[in-house]
C-alpha atoms as a PDB file:
ATOM      1  CA  MET A   1       0.007  -0.080  -0.039  1.00  0.00           C
ATOM      2  CA  ILE A   2       1.635   3.198  -1.157  1.00  0.00           C
ATOM      3  CA  ASN A   3       1.596   6.050   1.466  1.00  0.00           C
ATOM      4  CA  PRO A   4      -0.943   8.568   0.219  1.00  0.00           C
ATOM      5  CA  GLN A   5       1.123  11.517   1.617  1.00  0.00           C
ATOM      6  CA  TRP A   6       3.952  10.566  -0.683  1.00  0.00           C
ATOM      7  CA  LEU A   7       1.411  10.364  -3.610  1.00  0.00           C
ATOM      8  CA  THR A   8       0.200  13.820  -2.534  1.00  0.00           C
ATOM      9  CA  THR A   9       3.741  15.277  -2.555  1.00  0.00           C
ATOM     10  CA  PHE A  10       4.709  13.644  -5.846  1.00  0.00           C
ATOM     11  CA  LYS A  11       1.455  14.931  -7.626  1.00  0.00           C
ATOM     12  CA  THR A  12       2.073  18.386  -6.235  1.00  0.00           C
ATOM     13  CA  LEU A  13       5.730  18.341  -7.349  1.00  0.00           C
ATOM     14  CA  ILE A  14       4.765  17.277 -10.824  1.00  0.00           C
ATOM     15  CA  GLU A  15       2.091  19.957 -11.101  1.00  0.00           C
ATOM     16  CA  THR A  16       4.277  22.854  -9.696  1.00  0.00           C
ATOM     17  CA  GLY A  17       7.592  21.706 -11.335  1.00  0.00           C
ATOM     18  CA  HIS A  18       9.531  22.974  -8.320  1.00  0.00           C
ATOM     19  CA  PHE A  19      10.640  21.361  -5.041  1.00  0.00           C
ATOM     20  CA  THR A  20      10.477  24.868  -3.315  1.00  0.00           C
ATOM     21  CA  GLN A  21       6.985  25.516  -4.390  1.00  0.00           C
ATOM     22  CA  THR A  22       5.861  21.965  -3.331  1.00  0.00           C
ATOM     23  CA  ALA A  23       7.258  22.690   0.026  1.00  0.00           C
ATOM     24  CA  ASP A  24       5.575  25.920   0.421  1.00  0.00           C
ATOM     25  CA  ILE A  25       2.118  24.479  -0.723  1.00  0.00           C
ATOM     26  CA  LEU A  26       2.291  21.439   1.579  1.00  0.00           C
ATOM     27  CA  HIS A  27       3.896  23.334   4.533  1.00  0.00           C
ATOM     28  CA  MET A  28       7.036  21.160   4.393  1.00  0.00           C
ATOM     29  CA  THR A  29      10.692  21.593   4.134  1.00  0.00           C
ATOM     30  CA  GLN A  30      12.423  21.125   0.749  1.00  0.00           C
ATOM     31  CA  PRO A  31      14.428  18.024   2.155  1.00  0.00           C
ATOM     32  CA  GLY A  32      11.007  16.638   3.413  1.00  0.00           C
ATOM     33  CA  VAL A  33       9.767  16.744  -0.176  1.00  0.00           C
ATOM     34  CA  SER A  34      12.930  15.110  -1.410  1.00  0.00           C
ATOM     35  CA  GLN A  35      12.528  12.456   1.150  1.00  0.00           C
ATOM     36  CA  HIS A  36       8.874  11.671   0.211  1.00  0.00           C
ATOM     37  CA  ILE A  37       9.853  11.253  -3.441  1.00  0.00           C
ATOM     38  CA  LYS A  38      12.786   8.872  -2.421  1.00  0.00           C
ATOM     39  CA  LYS A  39      10.433   6.790  -0.411  1.00  0.00           C
ATOM     40  CA  LEU A  40       7.787   6.706  -3.076  1.00  0.00           C
ATOM     41  CA  GLU A  41      10.474   5.566  -5.607  1.00  0.00           C
ATOM     42  CA  GLN A  42      11.628   2.879  -3.188  1.00  0.00           C
ATOM     43  CA  ALA A  43       7.987   1.759  -2.697  1.00  0.00           C
ATOM     44  CA  CYS A  44       7.446   1.527  -6.441  1.00  0.00           C
ATOM     45  CA  GLY A  45      10.851   0.149  -7.260  1.00  0.00           C
ATOM     46  CA  TYR A  46      11.385   2.515 -10.039  1.00  0.00           C
ATOM     47  CA  GLN A  47      13.006   5.972 -10.570  1.00  0.00           C
ATOM     48  CA  LEU A  48       9.983   8.420 -11.081  1.00  0.00           C
ATOM     49  CA  ILE A  49      11.828  11.522 -11.934  1.00  0.00           C
ATOM     50  CA  THR A  50      15.224  12.351 -13.643  1.00  0.00           C
ATOM     51  CA  ARG A  51      17.149  15.197 -11.898  1.00  0.00           C
ATOM     52  CA  TYR A  52      19.427  17.672 -13.834  1.00  0.00           C
ATOM     53  CA  ASN A  53      20.764  21.132 -13.125  1.00  0.00           C
ATOM     54  CA  LYS A  54      18.376  21.561 -10.043  1.00  0.00           C
ATOM     55  CA  GLN A  55      15.400  20.660 -12.331  1.00  0.00           C
ATOM     56  CA  PHE A  56      13.790  17.293 -13.165  1.00  0.00           C
ATOM     57  CA  GLU A  57      11.891  15.423 -15.817  1.00  0.00           C
ATOM     58  CA  ILE A  58       9.180  12.839 -15.168  1.00  0.00           C
ATOM     59  CA  THR A  59       9.929   9.136 -16.329  1.00  0.00           C
ATOM     60  CA  GLU A  60       7.558   6.777 -17.916  1.00  0.00           C
ATOM     61  CA  GLN A  61       7.038   5.034 -14.644  1.00  0.00           C
ATOM     62  CA  GLY A  62       6.621   8.446 -12.914  1.00  0.00           C
ATOM     63  CA  LEU A  63       3.842   9.437 -15.344  1.00  0.00           C
ATOM     64  CA  LEU A  64       1.843   6.227 -14.489  1.00  0.00           C
ATOM     65  CA  VAL A  65       2.325   6.933 -10.816  1.00  0.00           C
ATOM     66  CA  TYR A  66       1.081  10.616 -11.397  1.00  0.00           C
ATOM     67  CA  GLN A  67      -2.000   9.360 -13.263  1.00  0.00           C
ATOM     68  CA  TYR A  68      -2.726   6.938 -10.331  1.00  0.00           C
ATOM     69  CA  ALA A  69      -2.371   9.855  -7.991  1.00  0.00           C
ATOM     70  CA  GLN A  70      -4.780  11.907  -9.968  1.00  0.00           C
ATOM     71  CA  GLN A  71      -7.288   9.131  -9.999  1.00  0.00           C
ATOM     72  CA  GLN A  72      -6.846   8.722  -6.098  1.00  0.00           C
ATOM     73  CA  THR A  73      -7.505  12.520  -5.712  1.00  0.00           C
ATOM     74  CA  GLN A  74     -10.651  12.415  -7.937  1.00  0.00           C
ATOM     75  CA  GLN A  75     -11.930   9.405  -6.076  1.00  0.00           C
ATOM     76  CA  TYR A  76     -11.434  11.175  -2.811  1.00  0.00           C
ATOM     77  CA  GLN A  77     -13.265  14.323  -4.085  1.00  0.00           C
ATOM     78  CA  THR A  78     -16.112  12.017  -5.398  1.00  0.00           C
ATOM     79  CA  LEU A  79     -16.330  10.366  -1.920  1.00  0.00           C
ATOM     80  CA  LEU A  80     -16.502  13.719  -0.134  1.00  0.00           C
ATOM     81  CA  HIS A  81     -19.249  14.910  -2.571  1.00  0.00           C
ATOM     82  CA  SER A  82     -21.313  11.717  -1.980  1.00  0.00           C
ATOM     83  CA  LEU A  83     -20.948  12.025   1.820  1.00  0.00           C
ATOM     84  CA  GLN A  84     -22.451  15.506   1.556  1.00  0.00           C
ATOM     85  CA  VAL A  85     -25.384  14.415  -0.451  1.00  0.00           C
ATOM     86  CA  ASP A  86     -28.352  13.218   1.578  1.00  0.00           C
ATOM     87  CA  SER A  87     -31.502  13.771  -0.587  1.00  0.00           C
ATOM     88  CA  PRO A  88     -34.961  12.475   0.308  1.00  0.00           C
ATOM     89  CA  TYR A  89     -35.267  11.417  -3.335  1.00  0.00           C
ATOM     90  CA  ASP A  90     -31.923  10.048  -4.277  1.00  0.00           C
ATOM     91  CA  GLY A  91     -30.284   6.529  -3.522  1.00  0.00           C
ATOM     92  CA  ILE A  92     -30.942   3.017  -2.781  1.00  0.00           C
ATOM     93  CA  CYS A  93     -33.435   1.889   0.051  1.00  0.00           C
ATOM     94  CA  ARG A  94     -32.891  -1.651   1.200  1.00  0.00           C
ATOM     95  CA  LEU A  95     -36.183  -2.841   2.783  1.00  0.00           C
ATOM     96  CA  ALA A  96     -37.738  -6.212   3.811  1.00  0.00           C
ATOM     97  CA  CYS A  97     -41.476  -7.229   4.915  1.00  0.00           C
ATOM     98  CA  SER A  98     -43.759 -10.162   4.718  1.00  0.00           C
ATOM     99  CA  GLY A  99     -44.825 -11.597   1.314  1.00  0.00           C
ATOM    100  CA  SER A 100     -48.378 -10.293   1.926  1.00  0.00           C
ATOM    101  CA  PHE A 101     -47.348  -6.791   2.889  1.00  0.00           C
ATOM    102  CA  ALA A 102     -45.094  -6.634  -0.159  1.00  0.00           C
ATOM    103  CA  LEU A 103     -48.021  -7.164  -2.472  1.00  0.00           C
ATOM    104  CA  SER A 104     -49.239  -3.785  -1.358  1.00  0.00           C
ATOM    105  CA  LEU A 105     -46.017  -2.086  -0.623  1.00  0.00           C
ATOM    106  CA  TYR A 106     -44.247  -2.729  -3.875  1.00  0.00           C
ATOM    107  CA  PRO A 107     -46.577  -1.105  -6.346  1.00  0.00           C
ATOM    108  CA  GLN A 108     -46.514   1.952  -4.043  1.00  0.00           C
ATOM    109  CA  LEU A 109     -42.687   2.026  -4.154  1.00  0.00           C
ATOM    110  CA  LEU A 110     -42.620   1.809  -7.988  1.00  0.00           C
ATOM    111  CA  ARG A 111     -45.112   4.748  -8.081  1.00  0.00           C
ATOM    112  CA  LEU A 112     -42.632   6.657  -5.824  1.00  0.00           C
ATOM    113  CA  GLN A 113     -39.633   5.725  -8.113  1.00  0.00           C
ATOM    114  CA  GLN A 114     -41.701   6.901 -11.173  1.00  0.00           C
ATOM    115  CA  GLN A 115     -41.905  10.305  -9.486  1.00  0.00           C
ATOM    116  CA  HIS A 116     -38.362  10.298  -8.382  1.00  0.00           C
ATOM    117  CA  PRO A 117     -36.217   8.319 -10.773  1.00  0.00           C
ATOM    118  CA  LYS A 118     -33.063   8.644  -8.710  1.00  0.00           C
ATOM    119  CA  LEU A 119     -34.641   6.879  -5.882  1.00  0.00           C
ATOM    120  CA  HIS A 120     -34.363   2.990  -6.050  1.00  0.00           C
ATOM    121  CA  PHE A 121     -35.643   0.241  -3.941  1.00  0.00           C
ATOM    122  CA  HIS A 122     -34.363  -3.228  -3.000  1.00  0.00           C
ATOM    123  CA  LEU A 123     -37.337  -5.085  -1.386  1.00  0.00           C
ATOM    124  CA  GLU A 124     -37.080  -8.543   0.129  1.00  0.00           C
ATOM    125  CA  ALA A 125     -40.073 -10.590   1.053  1.00  0.00           C
ATOM    126  CA  ALA A 126     -39.089 -12.553   4.235  1.00  0.00           C
ATOM    127  CA  PRO A 127     -40.449 -13.968   7.572  1.00  0.00           C
ATOM    128  CA  ASN A 128     -40.065 -11.780  10.734  1.00  0.00           C
ATOM    129  CA  HIS A 129     -36.986 -13.626  12.204  1.00  0.00           C
ATOM    130  CA  LYS A 130     -35.065 -13.337   8.817  1.00  0.00           C
ATOM    131  CA  ILE A 131     -35.985  -9.574   8.591  1.00  0.00           C
ATOM    132  CA  LEU A 132     -34.554  -9.036  12.197  1.00  0.00           C
ATOM    133  CA  ASP A 133     -31.385 -11.078  11.405  1.00  0.00           C
ATOM    134  CA  ASP A 134     -30.754  -9.060   8.218  1.00  0.00           C
ATOM    135  CA  ILE A 135     -31.097  -5.613  10.042  1.00  0.00           C
ATOM    136  CA  GLU A 136     -28.543  -6.846  12.610  1.00  0.00           C
ATOM    137  CA  ASN A 137     -26.238  -7.978   9.878  1.00  0.00           C
ATOM    138  CA  ASN A 138     -26.731  -4.712   7.844  1.00  0.00           C
ATOM    139  CA  THR A 139     -28.028  -6.698   4.853  1.00  0.00           C
ATOM    140  CA  ILE A 140     -31.034  -4.445   4.932  1.00  0.00           C
ATOM    141  CA  ASP A 141     -31.594  -1.194   6.556  1.00  0.00           C
ATOM    142  CA  MET A 142     -35.311  -1.168   7.394  1.00  0.00           C
ATOM    143  CA  GLY A 143     -37.841  -3.798   7.961  1.00  0.00           C
ATOM    144  CA  ILE A 144     -41.697  -4.187   8.514  1.00  0.00           C
ATOM    145  CA  VAL A 145     -42.586  -6.876  11.000  1.00  0.00           C
ATOM    146  CA  THR A 146     -45.613  -8.055  12.853  1.00  0.00           C
ATOM    147  CA  GLN A 147     -43.779  -8.599  16.352  1.00  0.00           C
ATOM    148  CA  GLU A 148     -42.075  -5.952  18.360  1.00  0.00           C
ATOM    149  CA  PRO A 149     -38.386  -7.259  18.766  1.00  0.00           C
ATOM    150  CA  VAL A 150     -37.008  -8.053  22.235  1.00  0.00           C
ATOM    151  CA  ASN A 151     -33.473  -6.993  21.047  1.00  0.00           C
ATOM    152  CA  ASN A 152     -32.813  -3.598  22.589  1.00  0.00           C
ATOM    153  CA  GLN A 153     -30.405  -2.863  19.881  1.00  0.00           C
ATOM    154  CA  LEU A 154     -33.299  -2.534  17.485  1.00  0.00           C
ATOM    155  CA  GLN A 155     -35.817   0.375  17.318  1.00  0.00           C
ATOM    156  CA  ALA A 156     -39.531  -0.335  16.629  1.00  0.00           C
ATOM    157  CA  THR A 157     -42.018   2.160  15.495  1.00  0.00           C
ATOM    158  CA  MET A 158     -45.735   1.040  15.317  1.00  0.00           C
ATOM    159  CA  ILE A 159     -47.446   2.210  11.921  1.00  0.00           C
ATOM    160  CA  GLY A 160     -50.757   0.394  11.877  1.00  0.00           C
ATOM    161  CA  GLN A 161     -52.770  -2.684  12.069  1.00  0.00           C
ATOM    162  CA  GLU A 162     -53.093  -5.444   9.512  1.00  0.00           C
ATOM    163  CA  PRO A 163     -56.443  -7.460   9.648  1.00  0.00           C
ATOM    164  CA  LEU A 164     -56.257 -11.278   9.374  1.00  0.00           C
ATOM    165  CA  CYS A 165     -59.028 -12.918   7.398  1.00  0.00           C
ATOM    166  CA  LEU A 166     -60.584 -16.310   7.464  1.00  0.00           C
ATOM    167  CA  VAL A 167     -61.008 -17.221   3.607  1.00  0.00           C
ATOM    168  CA  LEU A 168     -63.288 -19.912   2.237  1.00  0.00           C
ATOM    169  CA  PRO A 169     -64.664 -20.936  -1.085  1.00  0.00           C
ATOM    170  CA  LEU A 170     -67.643 -18.760  -2.124  1.00  0.00           C
ATOM    171  CA  ARG A 171     -70.120 -21.697  -1.625  1.00  0.00           C
ATOM    172  CA  TYR A 172     -69.603 -21.351   2.230  1.00  0.00           C
ATOM    173  CA  LYS A 173     -71.192 -17.815   2.116  1.00  0.00           C
ATOM    174  CA  ASN A 174     -73.405 -17.244   5.144  1.00  0.00           C
ATOM    175  CA  SER A 175     -72.575 -20.715   6.588  1.00  0.00           C
ATOM    176  CA  ASP A 176     -72.131 -21.180  10.223  1.00  0.00           C
ATOM    177  CA  ILE A 177     -68.322 -21.356  10.755  1.00  0.00           C
ATOM    178  CA  ASN A 178     -67.496 -24.250  13.058  1.00  0.00           C
ATOM    179  CA  ILE A 179     -65.034 -27.012  13.519  1.00  0.00           C
ATOM    180  CA  ASP A 180     -66.972 -29.397  11.345  1.00  0.00           C
ATOM    181  CA  LEU A 181     -67.292 -26.960   8.349  1.00  0.00           C
ATOM    182  CA  LEU A 182     -63.474 -26.254   8.454  1.00  0.00           C
ATOM    183  CA  THR A 183     -62.670 -29.907   8.827  1.00  0.00           C
ATOM    184  CA  THR A 184     -64.840 -30.808   5.868  1.00  0.00           C
ATOM    185  CA  CYS A 185     -63.535 -27.857   3.834  1.00  0.00           C
ATOM    186  CA  GLY A 186     -59.883 -28.748   4.503  1.00  0.00           C
ATOM    187  CA  LEU A 187     -56.881 -26.389   4.935  1.00  0.00           C
ATOM    188  CA  ILE A 188     -54.686 -24.831   2.171  1.00  0.00           C
ATOM    189  CA  ASN A 189     -51.423 -24.909   3.958  1.00  0.00           C
ATOM    190  CA  HIS A 190     -48.674 -22.377   3.560  1.00  0.00           C
ATOM    191  CA  PRO A 191     -45.335 -21.438   5.506  1.00  0.00           C
ATOM    192  CA  ASP A 192     -47.311 -18.964   7.718  1.00  0.00           C
ATOM    193  CA  ALA A 193     -50.649 -20.940   8.073  1.00  0.00           C
ATOM    194  CA  GLN A 194     -49.716 -22.307  11.661  1.00  0.00           C
ATOM    195  CA  TYR A 195     -49.005 -18.800  12.929  1.00  0.00           C
ATOM    196  CA  TYR A 196     -52.152 -17.098  11.186  1.00  0.00           C
ATOM    197  CA  LEU A 197     -54.591 -19.882  12.160  1.00  0.00           C
ATOM    198  CA  THR A 198     -53.424 -19.969  15.798  1.00  0.00           C
ATOM    199  CA  LYS A 199     -53.633 -16.173  16.200  1.00  0.00           C
ATOM    200  CA  TYR A 200     -57.087 -15.923  14.343  1.00  0.00           C
ATOM    201  CA  PHE A 201     -58.813 -18.881  16.018  1.00  0.00           C
ATOM    202  CA  HIS A 202     -57.864 -17.645  19.602  1.00  0.00           C
ATOM    203  CA  SER A 203     -58.821 -14.054  18.993  1.00  0.00           C
ATOM    204  CA  CYS A 204     -61.731 -14.047  16.596  1.00  0.00           C
ATOM    205  CA  GLY A 205     -64.458 -14.494  19.355  1.00  0.00           C
ATOM    206  CA  HIS A 206     -65.717 -18.016  18.196  1.00  0.00           C
ATOM    207  CA  THR A 207     -65.004 -20.049  21.277  1.00  0.00           C
ATOM    208  CA  ASP A 208     -65.182 -23.392  19.540  1.00  0.00           C
ATOM    209  CA  LEU A 209     -62.629 -22.405  16.964  1.00  0.00           C
ATOM    210  CA  ALA A 210     -60.155 -21.773  19.866  1.00  0.00           C
ATOM    211  CA  THR A 211     -60.280 -25.393  20.672  1.00  0.00           C
ATOM    212  CA  ILE A 212     -59.242 -26.569  17.071  1.00  0.00           C
ATOM    213  CA  GLU A 213     -56.142 -28.652  17.063  1.00  0.00           C
ATOM    214  CA  ILE A 214     -54.730 -27.110  13.844  1.00  0.00           C
ATOM    215  CA  GLU A 215     -52.241 -30.047  13.188  1.00  0.00           C
ATOM    216  CA  GLN A 216     -55.338 -32.240  12.972  1.00  0.00           C
ATOM    217  CA  LEU A 217     -57.106 -30.337  10.193  1.00  0.00           C
ATOM    218  CA  PRO A 218     -57.081 -32.209   6.883  1.00  0.00           C
ATOM    219  CA  ILE A 219     -54.530 -30.453   4.454  1.00  0.00           C
ATOM    220  CA  THR A 220     -56.049 -30.379   0.870  1.00  0.00           C
ATOM    221  CA  SER A 221     -53.179 -28.521  -0.666  1.00  0.00           C
ATOM    222  CA  TYR A 222     -49.837 -26.878   0.241  1.00  0.00           C
ATOM    223  CA  ILE A 223     -48.089 -23.972  -1.636  1.00  0.00           C
ATOM    224  CA  ASN A 224     -45.299 -21.598  -0.556  1.00  0.00           C
ATOM    225  CA  GLN A 225     -45.923 -18.840  -3.152  1.00  0.00           C
ATOM    226  CA  LEU A 226     -48.141 -16.203  -1.444  1.00  0.00           C
ATOM    227  CA  ASN A 227     -49.883 -15.086  -4.679  1.00  0.00           C
ATOM    228  CA  GLN A 228     -50.863 -18.597  -5.369  1.00  0.00           C
ATOM    229  CA  ILE A 229     -52.567 -19.602  -2.225  1.00  0.00           C
ATOM    230  CA  LEU A 230     -55.996 -17.950  -2.744  1.00  0.00           C
ATOM    231  CA  ILE A 231     -56.134 -19.710  -6.174  1.00  0.00           C
ATOM    232  CA  ALA A 232     -56.807 -22.995  -4.507  1.00  0.00           C
ATOM    233  CA  VAL A 233     -59.504 -21.363  -2.145  1.00  0.00           C
ATOM    234  CA  ALA A 234     -61.101 -19.756  -5.138  1.00  0.00           C
ATOM    235  CA  GLU A 235     -61.399 -23.204  -6.931  1.00  0.00           C
ATOM    236  CA  GLY A 236     -63.143 -24.576  -3.796  1.00  0.00           C
ATOM    237  CA  ILE A 237     -60.295 -26.814  -2.618  1.00  0.00           C
ATOM    238  CA  GLY A 238     -59.973 -25.554   0.946  1.00  0.00           C
ATOM    239  CA  PHE A 239     -59.797 -22.512   3.376  1.00  0.00           C
ATOM    240  CA  THR A 240     -56.998 -20.540   4.798  1.00  0.00           C
ATOM    241  CA  VAL A 241     -56.089 -17.468   6.977  1.00  0.00           C
ATOM    242  CA  LEU A 242     -54.158 -14.568   5.368  1.00  0.00           C
ATOM    243  CA  PRO A 243     -53.754 -10.808   5.983  1.00  0.00           C
ATOM    244  CA  GLN A 244     -56.160  -8.546   4.357  1.00  0.00           C
ATOM    245  CA  SER A 245     -53.517  -7.056   2.066  1.00  0.00           C
ATOM    246  CA  ALA A 246     -52.953 -10.459   0.465  1.00  0.00           C
ATOM    247  CA  ILE A 247     -56.642 -10.641  -0.443  1.00  0.00           C
ATOM    248  CA  ALA A 248     -56.929  -7.127  -1.666  1.00  0.00           C
ATOM    249  CA  HIS A 249     -54.650  -7.916  -4.462  1.00  0.00           C
ATOM    250  CA  PHE A 250     -56.065 -11.167  -5.654  1.00  0.00           C
ATOM    251  CA  SER A 251     -57.824 -10.879  -9.023  1.00  0.00           C
ATOM    252  CA  ASP A 252     -60.669 -13.420  -8.338  1.00  0.00           C
ATOM    253  CA  LYS A 253     -61.986 -11.955  -5.012  1.00  0.00           C
ATOM    254  CA  ASP A 254     -65.596 -12.588  -6.230  1.00  0.00           C
ATOM    255  CA  LYS A 255     -64.831 -16.419  -5.835  1.00  0.00           C
ATOM    256  CA  LEU A 256     -63.941 -15.915  -2.082  1.00  0.00           C
ATOM    257  CA  TYR A 257     -65.879 -15.741   1.070  1.00  0.00           C
ATOM    258  CA  ILE A 258     -64.424 -13.729   3.914  1.00  0.00           C
ATOM    259  CA  ALA A 259     -66.027 -15.102   7.034  1.00  0.00           C
ATOM    260  CA  PRO A 260     -66.901 -12.201   9.469  1.00  0.00           C
ATOM    261  CA  PRO A 261     -65.306 -12.740  12.858  1.00  0.00           C
ATOM    262  CA  LEU A 262     -67.179 -11.814  16.097  1.00  0.00           C
ATOM    263  CA  THR A 263     -63.942  -9.929  17.031  1.00  0.00           C
ATOM    264  CA  ILE A 264     -61.678  -8.411  14.355  1.00  0.00           C
ATOM    265  CA  VAL A 265     -58.311 -10.026  14.571  1.00  0.00           C
ATOM    266  CA  THR A 266     -55.368  -7.759  13.674  1.00  0.00           C
ATOM    267  CA  GLU A 267     -51.517  -7.850  13.658  1.00  0.00           C
ATOM    268  CA  THR A 268     -49.616  -4.683  14.665  1.00  0.00           C
ATOM    269  CA  LEU A 269     -47.185  -3.655  12.099  1.00  0.00           C
ATOM    270  CA  PHE A 270     -43.887  -2.128  13.274  1.00  0.00           C
ATOM    271  CA  ILE A 271     -40.998  -0.421  11.255  1.00  0.00           C
ATOM    272  CA  ILE A 272     -37.714  -1.895  12.493  1.00  0.00           C
ATOM    273  CA  GLN A 273     -34.184  -0.354  12.251  1.00  0.00           C
ATOM    274  CA  LYS A 274     -31.013  -0.370  14.221  1.00  0.00           C
ATOM    275  CA  ARG A 275     -31.363   1.970  17.228  1.00  0.00           C
ATOM    276  CA  HIS A 276     -28.010   3.586  17.005  1.00  0.00           C
ATOM    277  CA  ARG A 277     -27.514   3.739  13.147  1.00  0.00           C
ATOM    278  CA  TYR A 278     -28.405   6.827  11.410  1.00  0.00           C
ATOM    279  CA  LEU A 279     -30.288   6.192   8.124  1.00  0.00           C
ATOM    280  CA  PRO A 280     -30.161   8.615   5.127  1.00  0.00           C
ATOM    281  CA  VAL A 281     -33.032  11.149   4.841  1.00  0.00           C
ATOM    282  CA  ARG A 282     -34.429   8.927   1.928  1.00  0.00           C
ATOM    283  CA  TYR A 283     -35.842   6.465   4.562  1.00  0.00           C
ATOM    284  CA  GLN A 284     -37.925   9.224   6.036  1.00  0.00           C
ATOM    285  CA  THR A 285     -39.646   9.308   2.612  1.00  0.00           C
ATOM    286  CA  VAL A 286     -40.286   5.463   2.823  1.00  0.00           C
ATOM    287  CA  THR A 287     -41.489   5.932   6.375  1.00  0.00           C
ATOM    288  CA  SER A 288     -43.952   8.615   5.429  1.00  0.00           C
ATOM    289  CA  LEU A 289     -45.362   6.324   2.682  1.00  0.00           C
ATOM    290  CA  LEU A 290     -45.735   3.389   5.069  1.00  0.00           C
ATOM    291  CA  VAL A 291     -47.712   5.415   7.575  1.00  0.00           C
ATOM    292  CA  SER A 292     -49.912   6.790   4.776  1.00  0.00           C
ATOM    293  CA  LEU A 293     -50.696   3.373   3.651  1.00  0.00           C
ATOM    294  CA  HIS A 294     -52.262   2.553   6.990  1.00  0.00           C
ATOM    295  CA  GLN A 295     -54.071   5.912   7.336  1.00  0.00           C
ATOM    296  CA  LYS A 296     -56.298   5.165   4.303  1.00  0.00           C
END
């Protein structure tokens, strides 16, 4: 690794053409300038200037080193400029959320990018635990989760509620929802089904549903692609529980029956980020969007 001070001295010397002027500009002594040039030549293994009659001429190797020093200076200036730029509508935002929430969030992010072309988004669909891990590892900068983290190194901001819905084929419309009906209908299973069903059955107000042993429900189909789960329900193959946002973006909603609960079941949504990590101002733009989505 070449000492950057030696490069600065060499670059200044080539541009001034004088050891004395170089020393004045860099607030050094003339012997100090000569020493920097000598050490740089030793580090490179080549003579960089040819001295004659108190003057000098740059060598071919010296020209390459000078060009390198120019590039380093330009990169340094570019870095300083980029550090000063903190625009609400410029840069990359690295985000993560559940697959269901991504269905509603991603189109909004695209509209925001259309308005501000220099604003770009990297959106990951992931479960809560992976989102928290990725924030801790700086893989992403901000996440939306449904459980407040216990890790005090993470900061949580509540932004709203996400209703959970019991979704059945349309033929069950106005039917009495009970254990026998759900057993007959069968479950469309998916990676979050156990969590959603447990939360819904214990909070929806139907006391008999709270006694369901979910693992005993017959599974009529399994799919791990969120946008495919409701296809099976619409075709009459079984029921499931999903966040309302997933249902809102399904094209054949007229083939679904959303069973009305006695008590509305919701998940709380939290924005998560590192507590002691400053995020660029563009993340405030994203936060404003997230809040507005849950004020509608």
